[in-house]
């Protein structure tokens, strides 16, 4: 959800509160007045702060859960080394659980016979394009429409 910028009326109200000695929430990055439900005064401040935090995130030393090799990552959720950088034993472990390499051969389209591009996760595709998918749908619906 993007941060809504404060209107001039709201900014004037914040300055008036400050003059009366009332504490006003400030932006975590630049110190400008902000709305109480947000940490930053604008979307630009939020993005800039996130960029800085991302640059200084330490590189973590991890042990691969599949092959036991050491790898380095900045993502704290990652537990396995990548397929391309892995040892042959780890690649075999990936293959045994159904990891699909991007350059793998895929099945032909159910309508036109062209090769279908496959994704590494999820349900395998049956058609090469939305046009072929729609053509197959219309072919399936045609006999049902004529019998009704």
C-alpha atoms as a PDB file:
ATOM      1  CA  UNK A   1       0.000   0.000   0.000  1.00  0.00           C
ATOM      2  CA  UNK A   2       1.613   3.272  -1.066  1.00  0.00           C
ATOM      3  CA  UNK A   3       2.042   6.039   1.471  1.00  0.00           C
ATOM      4  CA  UNK A   4      -0.432   8.884   0.997  1.00  0.00           C
ATOM      5  CA  UNK A   5       1.346  12.255   0.908  1.00  0.00           C
ATOM      6  CA  UNK A   6       0.244  14.807   3.474  1.00  0.00           C
ATOM      7  CA  UNK A   7      -1.782  17.766   2.252  1.00  0.00           C
ATOM      8  CA  UNK A   8      -0.701  21.358   2.932  1.00  0.00           C
ATOM      9  CA  UNK A   9      -3.545  21.641   5.457  1.00  0.00           C
ATOM     10  CA  UNK A  10      -2.259  18.596   7.360  1.00  0.00           C
ATOM     11  CA  UNK A  11       1.327  19.920   7.335  1.00  0.00           C
ATOM     12  CA  UNK A  12       0.156  23.274   8.711  1.00  0.00           C
ATOM     13  CA  UNK A  13      -1.720  21.424  11.430  1.00  0.00           C
ATOM     14  CA  UNK A  14       1.425  19.483  12.367  1.00  0.00           C
ATOM     15  CA  UNK A  15       3.454  22.701  12.611  1.00  0.00           C
ATOM     16  CA  UNK A  16       0.759  24.253  14.819  1.00  0.00           C
ATOM     17  CA  UNK A  17       0.875  21.212  17.111  1.00  0.00           C
ATOM     18  CA  UNK A  18       4.657  21.504  17.368  1.00  0.00           C
ATOM     19  CA  UNK A  19       4.402  25.156  18.336  1.00  0.00           C
ATOM     20  CA  UNK A  20       2.032  24.213  21.175  1.00  0.00           C
ATOM     21  CA  UNK A  21       4.526  21.637  22.462  1.00  0.00           C
ATOM     22  CA  UNK A  22       2.626  18.527  21.344  1.00  0.00           C
ATOM     23  CA  UNK A  23       4.860  15.705  20.129  1.00  0.00           C
ATOM     24  CA  UNK A  24       4.428  15.063  16.419  1.00  0.00           C
ATOM     25  CA  UNK A  25       5.536  11.790  14.793  1.00  0.00           C
ATOM     26  CA  UNK A  26       8.562  12.219  12.544  1.00  0.00           C
ATOM     27  CA  UNK A  27       9.810  10.346   9.485  1.00  0.00           C
ATOM     28  CA  UNK A  28      12.380   7.658  10.371  1.00  0.00           C
ATOM     29  CA  UNK A  29      14.581   8.785   7.488  1.00  0.00           C
ATOM     30  CA  UNK A  30      14.458  12.576   7.147  1.00  0.00           C
ATOM     31  CA  UNK A  31      12.713  13.789  10.325  1.00  0.00           C
ATOM     32  CA  UNK A  32       9.825  15.524   8.503  1.00  0.00           C
ATOM     33  CA  UNK A  33       6.339  15.285  10.032  1.00  0.00           C
ATOM     34  CA  UNK A  34       4.512  12.115   9.078  1.00  0.00           C
ATOM     35  CA  UNK A  35       1.145  10.466   9.593  1.00  0.00           C
ATOM     36  CA  UNK A  36       1.001   8.376  12.732  1.00  0.00           C
ATOM     37  CA  UNK A  37       0.270   5.045  10.990  1.00  0.00           C
ATOM     38  CA  UNK A  38       3.365   5.218   8.746  1.00  0.00           C
ATOM     39  CA  UNK A  39       7.102   5.169   9.535  1.00  0.00           C
ATOM     40  CA  UNK A  40       8.010   7.492   6.649  1.00  0.00           C
ATOM     41  CA  UNK A  41       6.731  10.821   5.347  1.00  0.00           C
ATOM     42  CA  UNK A  42       6.668   9.685   1.705  1.00  0.00           C
ATOM     43  CA  UNK A  43       7.086   6.706  -0.592  1.00  0.00           C
ATOM     44  CA  UNK A  44      10.450   8.113  -1.727  1.00  0.00           C
ATOM     45  CA  UNK A  45      11.786   8.083   1.866  1.00  0.00           C
ATOM     46  CA  UNK A  46      10.560   4.521   2.403  1.00  0.00           C
ATOM     47  CA  UNK A  47      12.205   3.250  -0.790  1.00  0.00           C
ATOM     48  CA  UNK A  48      15.484   5.074  -0.119  1.00  0.00           C
ATOM     49  CA  UNK A  49      15.674   3.685   3.417  1.00  0.00           C
ATOM     50  CA  UNK A  50      14.927   0.153   2.206  1.00  0.00           C
ATOM     51  CA  UNK A  51      17.621   0.462  -0.484  1.00  0.00           C
ATOM     52  CA  UNK A  52      20.208   1.456   2.122  1.00  0.00           C
ATOM     53  CA  UNK A  53      19.212  -1.379   4.448  1.00  0.00           C
ATOM     54  CA  UNK A  54      19.429  -3.875   1.591  1.00  0.00           C
ATOM     55  CA  UNK A  55      22.958  -2.756   0.645  1.00  0.00           C
ATOM     56  CA  UNK A  56      24.244  -3.226   4.187  1.00  0.00           C
ATOM     57  CA  UNK A  57      22.598  -6.620   4.761  1.00  0.00           C
ATOM     58  CA  UNK A  58      25.410  -8.990   5.732  1.00  0.00           C
ATOM     59  CA  UNK A  59      26.276 -11.994   3.613  1.00  0.00           C
ATOM     60  CA  UNK A  60      25.273 -15.135   5.507  1.00  0.00           C
ATOM     61  CA  UNK A  61      27.282 -18.344   5.502  1.00  0.00           C
ATOM     62  CA  UNK A  62      24.880 -21.287   5.156  1.00  0.00           C
ATOM     63  CA  UNK A  63      25.145 -25.050   4.816  1.00  0.00           C
ATOM     64  CA  UNK A  64      23.004 -26.558   2.054  1.00  0.00           C
ATOM     65  CA  UNK A  65      20.248 -28.775   3.428  1.00  0.00           C
ATOM     66  CA  UNK A  66      20.483 -31.068   0.370  1.00  0.00           C
ATOM     67  CA  UNK A  67      24.216 -31.662  -0.136  1.00  0.00           C
ATOM     68  CA  UNK A  68      25.917 -30.198   2.955  1.00  0.00           C
ATOM     69  CA  UNK A  69      28.147 -27.761   1.005  1.00  0.00           C
ATOM     70  CA  UNK A  70      28.753 -24.246   2.288  1.00  0.00           C
ATOM     71  CA  UNK A  71      27.243 -21.346   0.308  1.00  0.00           C
ATOM     72  CA  UNK A  72      26.860 -17.608   0.886  1.00  0.00           C
ATOM     73  CA  UNK A  73      23.622 -15.626   0.553  1.00  0.00           C
ATOM     74  CA  UNK A  74      22.065 -12.331   1.595  1.00  0.00           C
ATOM     75  CA  UNK A  75      18.587 -13.895   1.766  1.00  0.00           C
ATOM     76  CA  UNK A  76      17.926 -15.165   5.310  1.00  0.00           C
ATOM     77  CA  UNK A  77      15.188 -17.563   4.078  1.00  0.00           C
ATOM     78  CA  UNK A  78      17.428 -19.517   1.693  1.00  0.00           C
ATOM     79  CA  UNK A  79      18.451 -23.009   2.855  1.00  0.00           C
ATOM     80  CA  UNK A  80      19.711 -24.676  -0.361  1.00  0.00           C
ATOM     81  CA  UNK A  81      22.471 -23.774  -2.798  1.00  0.00           C
ATOM     82  CA  UNK A  82      21.313 -22.883  -6.316  1.00  0.00           C
ATOM     83  CA  UNK A  83      21.068 -25.615  -8.939  1.00  0.00           C
ATOM     84  CA  UNK A  84      23.618 -24.026 -11.272  1.00  0.00           C
ATOM     85  CA  UNK A  85      26.268 -23.604  -8.526  1.00  0.00           C
ATOM     86  CA  UNK A  86      25.626 -26.970  -6.864  1.00  0.00           C
ATOM     87  CA  UNK A  87      27.816 -30.040  -6.867  1.00  0.00           C
ATOM     88  CA  UNK A  88      26.646 -33.010  -9.013  1.00  0.00           C
ATOM     89  CA  UNK A  89      25.328 -34.830  -5.899  1.00  0.00           C
ATOM     90  CA  UNK A  90      23.183 -31.824  -4.985  1.00  0.00           C
ATOM     91  CA  UNK A  91      21.935 -31.524  -8.576  1.00  0.00           C
ATOM     92  CA  UNK A  92      20.880 -35.182  -8.395  1.00  0.00           C
ATOM     93  CA  UNK A  93      18.967 -34.391  -5.203  1.00  0.00           C
ATOM     94  CA  UNK A  94      17.253 -31.491  -6.991  1.00  0.00           C
ATOM     95  CA  UNK A  95      16.371 -33.799  -9.905  1.00  0.00           C
ATOM     96  CA  UNK A  96      14.957 -36.458  -7.591  1.00  0.00           C
ATOM     97  CA  UNK A  97      12.395 -34.014  -6.163  1.00  0.00           C
ATOM     98  CA  UNK A  98      11.331 -32.801  -9.618  1.00  0.00           C
ATOM     99  CA  UNK A  99      13.352 -29.629 -10.159  1.00  0.00           C
ATOM    100  CA  UNK A 100      12.864 -28.572 -13.792  1.00  0.00           C
ATOM    101  CA  UNK A 101      15.816 -26.955 -15.519  1.00  0.00           C
ATOM    102  CA  UNK A 102      14.909 -23.954 -17.659  1.00  0.00           C
ATOM    103  CA  UNK A 103      16.367 -25.446 -20.829  1.00  0.00           C
ATOM    104  CA  UNK A 104      14.542 -28.761 -20.380  1.00  0.00           C
ATOM    105  CA  UNK A 105      12.492 -30.308 -23.191  1.00  0.00           C
ATOM    106  CA  UNK A 106       8.751 -29.819 -22.779  1.00  0.00           C
ATOM    107  CA  UNK A 107       5.664 -31.541 -24.111  1.00  0.00           C
ATOM    108  CA  UNK A 108       4.052 -30.405 -27.374  1.00  0.00           C
ATOM    109  CA  UNK A 109       1.000 -28.123 -27.390  1.00  0.00           C
ATOM    110  CA  UNK A 110      -2.316 -29.992 -27.334  1.00  0.00           C
ATOM    111  CA  UNK A 111      -3.665 -27.989 -30.299  1.00  0.00           C
ATOM    112  CA  UNK A 112      -0.886 -26.910 -32.664  1.00  0.00           C
ATOM    113  CA  UNK A 113       2.011 -29.196 -31.627  1.00  0.00           C
ATOM    114  CA  UNK A 114       4.554 -26.438 -30.871  1.00  0.00           C
ATOM    115  CA  UNK A 115       6.744 -26.986 -27.788  1.00  0.00           C
ATOM    116  CA  UNK A 116       5.181 -25.666 -24.583  1.00  0.00           C
ATOM    117  CA  UNK A 117       7.389 -23.501 -22.338  1.00  0.00           C
ATOM    118  CA  UNK A 118       7.574 -25.043 -18.890  1.00  0.00           C
ATOM    119  CA  UNK A 119       7.757 -23.373 -15.487  1.00  0.00           C
ATOM    120  CA  UNK A 120      10.001 -24.710 -12.716  1.00  0.00           C
ATOM    121  CA  UNK A 121       7.097 -24.921 -10.263  1.00  0.00           C
ATOM    122  CA  UNK A 122       3.370 -25.404 -10.369  1.00  0.00           C
ATOM    123  CA  UNK A 123       1.134 -27.249 -12.770  1.00  0.00           C
ATOM    124  CA  UNK A 124       2.649 -28.055 -16.173  1.00  0.00           C
ATOM    125  CA  UNK A 125       1.222 -26.153 -19.129  1.00  0.00           C
ATOM    126  CA  UNK A 126      -0.863 -27.917 -21.782  1.00  0.00           C
ATOM    127  CA  UNK A 127      -0.910 -25.203 -24.457  1.00  0.00           C
ATOM    128  CA  UNK A 128       1.758 -22.945 -25.959  1.00  0.00           C
ATOM    129  CA  UNK A 129      -0.389 -19.789 -25.846  1.00  0.00           C
ATOM    130  CA  UNK A 130      -3.706 -18.375 -24.638  1.00  0.00           C
ATOM    131  CA  UNK A 131      -4.965 -18.570 -28.252  1.00  0.00           C
ATOM    132  CA  UNK A 132      -4.430 -22.354 -28.334  1.00  0.00           C
ATOM    133  CA  UNK A 133      -6.008 -22.692 -24.898  1.00  0.00           C
ATOM    134  CA  UNK A 134      -9.109 -20.812 -26.103  1.00  0.00           C
ATOM    135  CA  UNK A 135      -9.230 -22.861 -29.330  1.00  0.00           C
ATOM    136  CA  UNK A 136      -9.205 -26.104 -27.300  1.00  0.00           C
ATOM    137  CA  UNK A 137     -11.917 -24.745 -24.996  1.00  0.00           C
ATOM    138  CA  UNK A 138     -14.148 -23.918 -27.970  1.00  0.00           C
ATOM    139  CA  UNK A 139     -13.565 -27.391 -29.450  1.00  0.00           C
ATOM    140  CA  UNK A 140     -14.577 -28.999 -26.150  1.00  0.00           C
ATOM    141  CA  UNK A 141     -17.688 -26.815 -25.870  1.00  0.00           C
ATOM    142  CA  UNK A 142     -18.836 -27.319 -29.494  1.00  0.00           C
ATOM    143  CA  UNK A 143     -20.336 -30.855 -29.099  1.00  0.00           C
ATOM    144  CA  UNK A 144     -22.062 -29.884 -25.834  1.00  0.00           C
ATOM    145  CA  UNK A 145     -23.683 -26.824 -27.430  1.00  0.00           C
ATOM    146  CA  UNK A 146     -25.032 -28.788 -30.423  1.00  0.00           C
ATOM    147  CA  UNK A 147     -26.577 -31.563 -28.241  1.00  0.00           C
ATOM    148  CA  UNK A 148     -28.522 -29.104 -26.031  1.00  0.00           C
END
